[in-house]
N, C-alpha and C. Protein backbone atom coordinates (compact mmCIF):
# COMPACT_ATOMS: atom_id res chain seq x y z
N MET A 1 -2.04 -50.69 18.94
CA MET A 1 -0.88 -50.95 18.12
C MET A 1 -0.13 -49.65 17.81
N LEU A 2 -0.91 -48.60 17.51
CA LEU A 2 -0.30 -47.31 17.19
C LEU A 2 0.42 -46.73 18.41
N SER A 3 -0.17 -46.93 19.60
CA SER A 3 0.46 -46.39 20.80
C SER A 3 1.78 -47.10 21.11
N ILE A 4 1.88 -48.38 20.78
CA ILE A 4 3.13 -49.10 21.00
C ILE A 4 4.21 -48.58 20.06
N LYS A 5 3.85 -48.33 18.81
CA LYS A 5 4.82 -47.79 17.85
C LYS A 5 5.28 -46.40 18.29
N PHE A 6 4.33 -45.63 18.78
CA PHE A 6 4.65 -44.28 19.25
C PHE A 6 5.61 -44.34 20.43
N ALA A 7 5.34 -45.25 21.37
CA ALA A 7 6.21 -45.42 22.54
C ALA A 7 7.61 -45.89 22.13
N LEU A 8 7.66 -46.80 21.16
CA LEU A 8 8.96 -47.28 20.69
C LEU A 8 9.74 -46.18 19.97
N PHE A 9 9.03 -45.27 19.33
CA PHE A 9 9.67 -44.15 18.65
C PHE A 9 10.22 -43.14 19.66
N LEU A 10 9.47 -42.88 20.73
CA LEU A 10 9.87 -41.88 21.73
C LEU A 10 10.93 -42.38 22.71
N ALA A 11 11.00 -43.68 22.95
CA ALA A 11 11.92 -44.21 23.96
C ALA A 11 13.37 -43.81 23.72
N PRO A 12 13.91 -43.94 22.50
CA PRO A 12 15.30 -43.52 22.30
C PRO A 12 15.50 -42.01 22.46
N LEU A 13 14.49 -41.24 22.07
CA LEU A 13 14.61 -39.78 22.22
C LEU A 13 14.65 -39.38 23.69
N LEU A 14 13.82 -40.02 24.48
CA LEU A 14 13.80 -39.71 25.91
C LEU A 14 15.09 -40.17 26.59
N ALA A 15 15.66 -41.25 26.11
CA ALA A 15 16.91 -41.74 26.69
C ALA A 15 18.07 -40.79 26.41
N LEU A 16 17.99 -40.07 25.29
CA LEU A 16 19.05 -39.12 24.94
C LEU A 16 18.95 -37.81 25.72
N ALA A 17 17.77 -37.54 26.24
CA ALA A 17 17.58 -36.28 26.97
C ALA A 17 18.45 -36.29 28.22
N SER A 18 19.27 -35.29 28.37
CA SER A 18 20.15 -35.22 29.53
C SER A 18 19.45 -34.48 30.66
N PRO A 19 19.65 -34.93 31.88
CA PRO A 19 19.03 -34.23 33.01
C PRO A 19 19.65 -32.84 33.18
N VAL A 20 18.83 -31.92 33.62
CA VAL A 20 19.26 -30.54 33.81
C VAL A 20 19.42 -30.29 35.30
N ASP A 21 20.50 -29.66 35.66
CA ASP A 21 20.73 -29.29 37.05
C ASP A 21 19.85 -28.10 37.39
N ILE A 22 18.86 -28.33 38.23
CA ILE A 22 17.94 -27.26 38.60
C ILE A 22 18.53 -26.50 39.78
N GLN A 23 18.61 -25.18 39.63
CA GLN A 23 19.14 -24.35 40.68
C GLN A 23 18.05 -23.41 41.18
N THR A 24 18.13 -23.07 42.43
CA THR A 24 17.19 -22.14 43.00
C THR A 24 17.46 -20.74 42.47
N ARG A 25 16.41 -20.06 42.09
CA ARG A 25 16.57 -18.69 41.60
C ARG A 25 16.88 -17.78 42.78
N GLN A 26 17.94 -17.02 42.64
CA GLN A 26 18.35 -16.12 43.71
C GLN A 26 17.70 -14.75 43.50
N ASN A 27 16.85 -14.36 44.39
CA ASN A 27 16.22 -13.05 44.33
C ASN A 27 16.74 -12.20 45.48
N ASN A 28 17.32 -11.09 45.14
CA ASN A 28 17.86 -10.19 46.16
C ASN A 28 16.75 -9.43 46.84
N GLU A 29 16.93 -9.20 48.12
CA GLU A 29 16.02 -8.34 48.86
C GLU A 29 16.33 -6.90 48.47
N CYS A 30 15.29 -6.11 48.26
CA CYS A 30 15.46 -4.69 47.94
C CYS A 30 14.75 -3.85 48.99
N CYS A 31 15.31 -2.71 49.28
CA CYS A 31 14.68 -1.77 50.19
C CYS A 31 14.56 -0.42 49.50
N TYR A 32 13.43 0.23 49.74
CA TYR A 32 13.13 1.53 49.14
C TYR A 32 12.73 2.49 50.24
N GLU A 33 13.03 3.77 50.01
CA GLU A 33 12.70 4.81 50.99
C GLU A 33 12.04 5.97 50.26
N THR A 34 11.00 6.53 50.87
CA THR A 34 10.34 7.68 50.26
C THR A 34 11.23 8.90 50.43
N GLU A 35 11.11 9.82 49.49
CA GLU A 35 11.95 11.03 49.52
C GLU A 35 11.19 12.20 50.13
N ASP A 36 10.45 11.94 51.19
CA ASP A 36 9.73 13.01 51.89
C ASP A 36 10.23 13.06 53.34
N ILE A 37 9.59 13.86 54.14
CA ILE A 37 10.03 14.06 55.53
C ILE A 37 9.85 12.80 56.38
N ASN A 38 8.89 11.94 56.03
CA ASN A 38 8.62 10.75 56.84
C ASN A 38 9.62 9.62 56.62
N LYS A 39 10.27 9.60 55.47
CA LYS A 39 11.28 8.58 55.15
C LYS A 39 10.76 7.16 55.39
N LEU A 40 9.61 6.83 54.79
CA LEU A 40 9.05 5.49 54.93
C LEU A 40 9.98 4.48 54.24
N VAL A 41 10.21 3.35 54.87
CA VAL A 41 11.10 2.32 54.34
C VAL A 41 10.26 1.09 54.00
N PHE A 42 10.45 0.58 52.78
CA PHE A 42 9.78 -0.63 52.31
C PHE A 42 10.83 -1.70 52.10
N ARG A 43 10.65 -2.85 52.72
CA ARG A 43 11.57 -3.98 52.57
C ARG A 43 10.84 -5.04 51.74
N THR A 44 11.42 -5.39 50.59
CA THR A 44 10.80 -6.39 49.72
C THR A 44 11.52 -7.72 49.89
N ASN A 45 10.84 -8.79 49.54
CA ASN A 45 11.41 -10.13 49.73
C ASN A 45 12.01 -10.72 48.47
N GLY A 46 12.16 -9.94 47.43
CA GLY A 46 12.78 -10.45 46.22
C GLY A 46 11.82 -10.83 45.12
N THR A 47 10.53 -10.63 45.34
CA THR A 47 9.54 -10.93 44.31
C THR A 47 8.69 -9.69 44.06
N SER A 48 7.88 -9.75 43.03
CA SER A 48 6.93 -8.67 42.77
C SER A 48 5.76 -8.81 43.75
N GLY A 49 5.15 -7.69 44.10
CA GLY A 49 4.01 -7.73 45.01
C GLY A 49 3.79 -6.41 45.70
N GLN A 50 2.88 -6.42 46.69
CA GLN A 50 2.61 -5.24 47.50
C GLN A 50 3.32 -5.40 48.84
N PHE A 51 3.95 -4.32 49.29
CA PHE A 51 4.73 -4.37 50.52
C PHE A 51 4.37 -3.20 51.42
N LEU A 52 4.17 -3.49 52.69
CA LEU A 52 3.83 -2.48 53.69
C LEU A 52 5.12 -1.88 54.24
N ASP A 53 5.10 -0.56 54.46
CA ASP A 53 6.30 0.08 55.00
C ASP A 53 6.48 -0.28 56.47
N THR A 54 7.63 0.05 57.02
CA THR A 54 7.96 -0.35 58.39
C THR A 54 7.10 0.34 59.44
N LEU A 55 6.47 1.46 59.09
CA LEU A 55 5.58 2.15 60.03
C LEU A 55 4.12 1.76 59.83
N SER A 56 3.85 0.88 58.86
CA SER A 56 2.49 0.40 58.55
C SER A 56 1.55 1.51 58.12
N TRP A 57 2.05 2.44 57.32
CA TRP A 57 1.23 3.54 56.81
C TRP A 57 0.82 3.33 55.36
N CYS A 58 1.70 2.77 54.57
CA CYS A 58 1.54 2.80 53.12
C CYS A 58 1.94 1.46 52.50
N MET A 59 1.26 1.10 51.42
CA MET A 59 1.60 -0.10 50.65
C MET A 59 2.22 0.31 49.33
N LEU A 60 3.32 -0.32 48.98
CA LEU A 60 4.03 -0.04 47.74
C LEU A 60 3.91 -1.25 46.82
N GLN A 61 3.50 -1.01 45.58
CA GLN A 61 3.46 -2.07 44.56
C GLN A 61 4.82 -2.09 43.87
N VAL A 62 5.48 -3.23 43.92
CA VAL A 62 6.80 -3.39 43.29
C VAL A 62 6.68 -4.47 42.23
N ASP A 63 7.06 -4.13 41.00
CA ASP A 63 7.07 -5.09 39.89
C ASP A 63 8.50 -5.23 39.40
N ARG A 64 9.08 -6.40 39.63
CA ARG A 64 10.46 -6.65 39.22
C ARG A 64 10.56 -6.74 37.70
N ASP A 65 11.67 -6.31 37.16
CA ASP A 65 11.96 -6.43 35.73
C ASP A 65 12.29 -7.89 35.44
N ALA A 66 11.53 -8.52 34.56
CA ALA A 66 11.72 -9.95 34.28
C ALA A 66 13.10 -10.23 33.68
N SER A 67 13.66 -9.28 32.94
CA SER A 67 14.96 -9.52 32.33
C SER A 67 16.11 -9.37 33.33
N ASP A 68 15.87 -8.67 34.43
CA ASP A 68 16.92 -8.46 35.44
C ASP A 68 16.26 -8.33 36.82
N PRO A 69 15.73 -9.44 37.36
CA PRO A 69 14.95 -9.36 38.60
C PRO A 69 15.74 -8.95 39.84
N ASN A 70 17.06 -9.09 39.82
CA ASN A 70 17.86 -8.72 40.98
C ASN A 70 18.33 -7.28 40.97
N ASN A 71 17.94 -6.52 39.95
CA ASN A 71 18.30 -5.12 39.87
C ASN A 71 17.19 -4.29 40.50
N CYS A 72 17.43 -3.80 41.70
CA CYS A 72 16.40 -3.06 42.44
C CYS A 72 16.02 -1.76 41.73
N GLU A 73 16.96 -1.15 41.04
CA GLU A 73 16.68 0.11 40.33
C GLU A 73 15.70 -0.09 39.18
N LYS A 74 15.74 -1.25 38.54
CA LYS A 74 14.89 -1.50 37.37
C LYS A 74 13.45 -1.82 37.74
N ALA A 75 13.18 -2.14 38.98
CA ALA A 75 11.82 -2.48 39.40
C ALA A 75 10.94 -1.23 39.32
N THR A 76 9.73 -1.41 38.81
CA THR A 76 8.78 -0.28 38.80
C THR A 76 8.07 -0.26 40.14
N ARG A 77 7.89 0.94 40.66
CA ARG A 77 7.30 1.11 41.99
C ARG A 77 6.18 2.14 41.92
N SER A 78 5.07 1.82 42.58
CA SER A 78 3.96 2.76 42.67
C SER A 78 3.23 2.52 43.98
N TYR A 79 2.67 3.59 44.51
CA TYR A 79 1.94 3.46 45.77
C TYR A 79 0.62 2.76 45.49
N TRP A 80 0.24 1.88 46.40
CA TRP A 80 -0.91 1.03 46.17
C TRP A 80 -2.08 1.39 47.08
N ALA A 81 -1.82 1.65 48.36
CA ALA A 81 -2.90 1.95 49.30
C ALA A 81 -2.31 2.56 50.57
N GLY A 82 -3.16 3.24 51.32
CA GLY A 82 -2.75 3.77 52.62
C GLY A 82 -2.41 5.24 52.58
N TYR A 83 -1.73 5.70 53.61
CA TYR A 83 -1.32 7.10 53.73
C TYR A 83 0.06 7.25 53.10
N CYS A 84 0.07 7.43 51.81
CA CYS A 84 1.32 7.45 51.05
C CYS A 84 1.65 8.87 50.62
N PRO A 85 2.93 9.20 50.57
CA PRO A 85 3.33 10.53 50.10
C PRO A 85 3.25 10.61 48.57
N GLU A 86 3.43 11.80 48.05
CA GLU A 86 3.46 11.99 46.61
C GLU A 86 4.87 11.86 46.05
N SER A 87 5.85 11.81 46.93
CA SER A 87 7.25 11.76 46.49
C SER A 87 7.60 10.37 45.97
N PRO A 88 8.59 10.29 45.09
CA PRO A 88 9.03 8.97 44.59
C PRO A 88 9.83 8.22 45.65
N THR A 89 10.18 6.99 45.33
CA THR A 89 11.01 6.19 46.23
C THR A 89 12.40 6.03 45.62
N LYS A 90 13.37 5.83 46.49
CA LYS A 90 14.74 5.58 46.03
C LYS A 90 15.23 4.28 46.65
N VAL A 91 16.18 3.64 45.99
CA VAL A 91 16.77 2.40 46.49
C VAL A 91 17.76 2.75 47.60
N ILE A 92 17.68 2.01 48.69
CA ILE A 92 18.61 2.20 49.81
C ILE A 92 19.17 0.83 50.22
N SER A 93 20.22 0.85 51.00
CA SER A 93 20.72 -0.38 51.60
C SER A 93 19.73 -0.81 52.67
N CYS A 94 19.42 -2.08 52.71
CA CYS A 94 18.43 -2.55 53.67
C CYS A 94 18.97 -2.42 55.09
N PRO A 95 18.17 -1.82 55.98
CA PRO A 95 18.60 -1.72 57.38
C PRO A 95 18.62 -3.10 58.02
N SER A 96 19.45 -3.28 59.03
CA SER A 96 19.50 -4.57 59.71
C SER A 96 18.17 -4.83 60.40
N ALA A 97 17.78 -6.08 60.42
CA ALA A 97 16.45 -6.44 60.94
C ALA A 97 16.38 -6.37 62.43
């Protein structure tokens, strides 16, 4: 009996709820380059994670800023594994694939 009253109470509230247009989150691809003589390039897919450079030497940990995930500059970057330089990385335009 209580469940029927509860359902009758919720039915009008659920009917008033308007559907929300769900849109796909757009994540920009970012590319980073080391500032050493080897110029390792890391191409990210728009999410946080570990990414291997184009020469397969080094893994870069990229953590996107939750408040501005499409801002490549705001992402924190640190070397994760492999033969990585000590130099920092800079944001570059992604080379054509």
